[in-house]
Amino acid sequence: MVALTLLGALLLIVGGIGTLIAAFRTSIWWGLGCLLISPVSLVFLIVHWSVAKNPFYLQLVGVALVFVGGGFGERAH
């Protein structure tokens, strides 16, 4: 299960980098905004859905794998 959690974390990181790349390709200002101010990424996702959807879906898969790999918050005995 640790492997799933690590894979999910890796997908989250790759998706975040993908979002930054898409933002910088759109405009230097979108890229800097997404890099420095977190809520700008959400605005970028909504405004530029066509270019931001693939990294977003990758991050969703990463979150799902982290939850599955982590056992939904179960304690390790």
N, C-alpha and C. Protein backbone atom coordinates (compact mmCIF):
# COMPACT_ATOMS: atom_id res chain seq x y z
N MET A 1 0.81 -1.19 0.00
CA MET A 1 0.00 0.00 0.00
C MET A 1 0.86 1.26 0.00
N VAL A 2 2.06 1.16 0.50
CA VAL A 2 2.96 2.31 0.50
C VAL A 2 3.29 2.70 -0.93
N ALA A 3 3.41 1.71 -1.82
CA ALA A 3 3.72 1.99 -3.22
C ALA A 3 2.61 2.81 -3.87
N LEU A 4 1.35 2.49 -3.56
CA LEU A 4 0.24 3.26 -4.11
C LEU A 4 0.27 4.70 -3.61
N THR A 5 0.57 4.87 -2.34
CA THR A 5 0.65 6.21 -1.77
C THR A 5 1.77 7.02 -2.43
N LEU A 6 2.92 6.39 -2.62
CA LEU A 6 4.03 7.09 -3.26
C LEU A 6 3.73 7.40 -4.73
N LEU A 7 3.09 6.46 -5.42
CA LEU A 7 2.70 6.70 -6.80
C LEU A 7 1.70 7.84 -6.89
N GLY A 8 0.76 7.87 -5.96
CA GLY A 8 -0.21 8.96 -5.92
C GLY A 8 0.45 10.30 -5.67
N ALA A 9 1.40 10.33 -4.76
CA ALA A 9 2.13 11.57 -4.47
C ALA A 9 2.91 12.03 -5.70
N LEU A 10 3.51 11.08 -6.41
CA LEU A 10 4.25 11.41 -7.62
C LEU A 10 3.31 11.98 -8.68
N LEU A 11 2.13 11.38 -8.83
CA LEU A 11 1.16 11.90 -9.80
C LEU A 11 0.68 13.30 -9.41
N LEU A 12 0.53 13.55 -8.13
CA LEU A 12 0.15 14.89 -7.67
C LEU A 12 1.21 15.92 -8.05
N ILE A 13 2.47 15.56 -7.86
CA ILE A 13 3.56 16.47 -8.19
C ILE A 13 3.63 16.70 -9.70
N VAL A 14 3.53 15.63 -10.47
CA VAL A 14 3.60 15.76 -11.93
C VAL A 14 2.41 16.58 -12.45
N GLY A 15 1.23 16.35 -11.90
CA GLY A 15 0.07 17.14 -12.30
C GLY A 15 0.21 18.60 -11.96
N GLY A 16 0.79 18.89 -10.79
CA GLY A 16 1.03 20.28 -10.42
C GLY A 16 2.02 20.96 -11.34
N ILE A 17 3.07 20.24 -11.70
CA ILE A 17 4.04 20.79 -12.65
C ILE A 17 3.39 20.98 -14.02
N GLY A 18 2.53 20.02 -14.41
CA GLY A 18 1.81 20.16 -15.67
C GLY A 18 0.91 21.39 -15.69
N THR A 19 0.27 21.67 -14.56
CA THR A 19 -0.56 22.87 -14.47
C THR A 19 0.30 24.13 -14.62
N LEU A 20 1.44 24.14 -13.98
CA LEU A 20 2.35 25.29 -14.11
C LEU A 20 2.83 25.47 -15.55
N ILE A 21 3.16 24.39 -16.21
CA ILE A 21 3.61 24.46 -17.60
C ILE A 21 2.49 25.02 -18.48
N ALA A 22 1.26 24.53 -18.28
CA ALA A 22 0.13 25.03 -19.07
C ALA A 22 -0.11 26.51 -18.79
N ALA A 23 0.04 26.91 -17.54
CA ALA A 23 -0.16 28.33 -17.20
C ALA A 23 0.91 29.20 -17.84
N PHE A 24 2.16 28.77 -17.79
CA PHE A 24 3.23 29.57 -18.39
C PHE A 24 3.12 29.60 -19.91
N ARG A 25 2.61 28.53 -20.52
CA ARG A 25 2.40 28.54 -21.97
C ARG A 25 1.29 29.51 -22.36
N THR A 26 0.33 29.69 -21.48
CA THR A 26 -0.76 30.62 -21.76
C THR A 26 -0.27 32.06 -21.66
N SER A 27 0.43 32.36 -20.57
CA SER A 27 0.93 33.71 -20.34
C SER A 27 1.92 33.68 -19.18
N ILE A 28 2.88 34.55 -19.25
CA ILE A 28 3.85 34.65 -18.15
C ILE A 28 3.13 35.05 -16.86
N TRP A 29 2.09 35.87 -16.98
CA TRP A 29 1.36 36.33 -15.80
C TRP A 29 0.55 35.21 -15.17
N TRP A 30 -0.08 34.37 -15.98
CA TRP A 30 -0.79 33.21 -15.43
C TRP A 30 0.20 32.28 -14.73
N GLY A 31 1.34 32.06 -15.35
CA GLY A 31 2.33 31.19 -14.76
C GLY A 31 2.85 31.70 -13.43
N LEU A 32 3.18 32.97 -13.39
CA LEU A 32 3.67 33.55 -12.13
C LEU A 32 2.57 33.56 -11.07
N GLY A 33 1.35 33.85 -11.49
CA GLY A 33 0.24 33.84 -10.53
C GLY A 33 0.01 32.46 -9.94
N CYS A 34 0.03 31.43 -10.80
CA CYS A 34 -0.16 30.06 -10.30
C CYS A 34 1.00 29.61 -9.42
N LEU A 35 2.18 30.08 -9.73
CA LEU A 35 3.36 29.70 -8.95
C LEU A 35 3.37 30.36 -7.58
N LEU A 36 2.96 31.61 -7.51
CA LEU A 36 3.12 32.37 -6.28
C LEU A 36 1.85 32.49 -5.43
N ILE A 37 0.68 32.39 -6.05
CA ILE A 37 -0.59 32.58 -5.33
C ILE A 37 -1.49 31.39 -5.62
N SER A 38 -1.71 30.53 -4.64
CA SER A 38 -2.44 29.27 -4.84
C SER A 38 -3.83 29.41 -5.46
N PRO A 39 -4.69 30.32 -5.01
CA PRO A 39 -6.04 30.39 -5.60
C PRO A 39 -6.05 30.74 -7.09
N VAL A 40 -4.98 31.31 -7.59
CA VAL A 40 -4.91 31.63 -9.01
C VAL A 40 -4.94 30.36 -9.84
N SER A 41 -4.41 29.26 -9.31
CA SER A 41 -4.45 27.99 -10.03
C SER A 41 -5.88 27.53 -10.26
N LEU A 42 -6.73 27.72 -9.27
CA LEU A 42 -8.13 27.34 -9.42
C LEU A 42 -8.82 28.22 -10.46
N VAL A 43 -8.53 29.51 -10.43
CA VAL A 43 -9.09 30.42 -11.44
C VAL A 43 -8.59 30.03 -12.82
N PHE A 44 -7.30 29.71 -12.92
CA PHE A 44 -6.75 29.27 -14.21
C PHE A 44 -7.44 28.01 -14.70
N LEU A 45 -7.69 27.08 -13.80
CA LEU A 45 -8.36 25.84 -14.17
C LEU A 45 -9.74 26.12 -14.75
N ILE A 46 -10.48 27.02 -14.14
CA ILE A 46 -11.83 27.33 -14.60
C ILE A 46 -11.80 28.10 -15.92
N VAL A 47 -10.95 29.10 -16.00
CA VAL A 47 -10.92 29.97 -17.18
C VAL A 47 -10.31 29.26 -18.40
N HIS A 48 -9.29 28.45 -18.16
CA HIS A 48 -8.59 27.77 -19.26
C HIS A 48 -8.74 26.25 -19.15
N TRP A 49 -9.99 25.80 -19.04
CA TRP A 49 -10.26 24.38 -18.84
C TRP A 49 -9.66 23.52 -19.94
N SER A 50 -9.70 23.98 -21.17
CA SER A 50 -9.24 23.16 -22.29
C SER A 50 -7.76 22.78 -22.18
N VAL A 51 -6.95 23.65 -21.61
CA VAL A 51 -5.52 23.33 -21.49
C VAL A 51 -5.16 22.81 -20.10
N ALA A 52 -6.03 23.02 -19.13
CA ALA A 52 -5.70 22.63 -17.75
C ALA A 52 -6.37 21.35 -17.31
N LYS A 53 -7.24 20.78 -18.12
CA LYS A 53 -7.99 19.61 -17.66
C LYS A 53 -7.13 18.36 -17.50
N ASN A 54 -6.18 18.12 -18.39
CA ASN A 54 -5.37 16.90 -18.27
C ASN A 54 -4.51 16.88 -17.01
N PRO A 55 -3.78 17.97 -16.68
CA PRO A 55 -3.06 17.95 -15.40
C PRO A 55 -3.99 17.84 -14.20
N PHE A 56 -5.17 18.43 -14.30
CA PHE A 56 -6.15 18.34 -13.21
C PHE A 56 -6.60 16.90 -13.01
N TYR A 57 -6.92 16.20 -14.10
CA TYR A 57 -7.33 14.80 -13.99
C TYR A 57 -6.19 13.94 -13.42
N LEU A 58 -4.96 14.25 -13.81
CA LEU A 58 -3.81 13.52 -13.27
C LEU A 58 -3.71 13.71 -11.76
N GLN A 59 -3.96 14.93 -11.29
CA GLN A 59 -3.94 15.18 -9.86
C GLN A 59 -5.09 14.47 -9.15
N LEU A 60 -6.25 14.38 -9.78
CA LEU A 60 -7.37 13.64 -9.18
C LEU A 60 -7.03 12.16 -9.01
N VAL A 61 -6.39 11.58 -10.01
CA VAL A 61 -5.97 10.19 -9.90
C VAL A 61 -4.94 10.05 -8.78
N GLY A 62 -4.04 11.02 -8.66
CA GLY A 62 -3.05 11.00 -7.59
C GLY A 62 -3.69 11.06 -6.22
N VAL A 63 -4.69 11.91 -6.05
CA VAL A 63 -5.40 12.00 -4.76
C VAL A 63 -6.08 10.67 -4.44
N ALA A 64 -6.72 10.07 -5.44
CA ALA A 64 -7.39 8.79 -5.23
C ALA A 64 -6.40 7.72 -4.80
N LEU A 65 -5.24 7.68 -5.44
CA LEU A 65 -4.23 6.68 -5.07
C LEU A 65 -3.67 6.91 -3.68
N VAL A 66 -3.51 8.16 -3.29
CA VAL A 66 -3.03 8.45 -1.94
C VAL A 66 -4.05 7.96 -0.91
N PHE A 67 -5.34 8.20 -1.18
CA PHE A 67 -6.37 7.74 -0.24
C PHE A 67 -6.45 6.22 -0.19
N VAL A 68 -6.40 5.57 -1.34
CA VAL A 68 -6.47 4.11 -1.37
C VAL A 68 -5.22 3.51 -0.73
N GLY A 69 -4.06 4.05 -1.07
CA GLY A 69 -2.82 3.54 -0.50
C GLY A 69 -2.69 3.80 0.98
N GLY A 70 -3.28 4.89 1.44
CA GLY A 70 -3.24 5.22 2.86
C GLY A 70 -4.30 4.52 3.67
N GLY A 71 -5.15 3.76 3.04
CA GLY A 71 -6.17 3.01 3.76
C GLY A 71 -7.27 3.90 4.31
N PHE A 72 -7.53 5.03 3.64
CA PHE A 72 -8.61 5.95 4.06
C PHE A 72 -8.42 6.40 5.50
N GLY A 73 -7.20 6.59 5.93
CA GLY A 73 -6.94 7.11 7.26
C GLY A 73 -6.95 6.06 8.36
N GLU A 74 -6.91 4.79 8.01
CA GLU A 74 -6.86 3.74 9.04
C GLU A 74 -5.51 3.77 9.74
N ARG A 75 -5.54 3.42 10.99
CA ARG A 75 -4.30 3.36 11.76
C ARG A 75 -3.57 2.05 11.47
N ALA A 76 -2.26 2.14 11.40
CA ALA A 76 -1.45 0.93 11.25
C ALA A 76 -1.27 0.31 12.63
N HIS A 77 -1.53 -0.95 12.73
CA HIS A 77 -1.42 -1.63 14.03
C HIS A 77 -0.14 -2.39 14.12
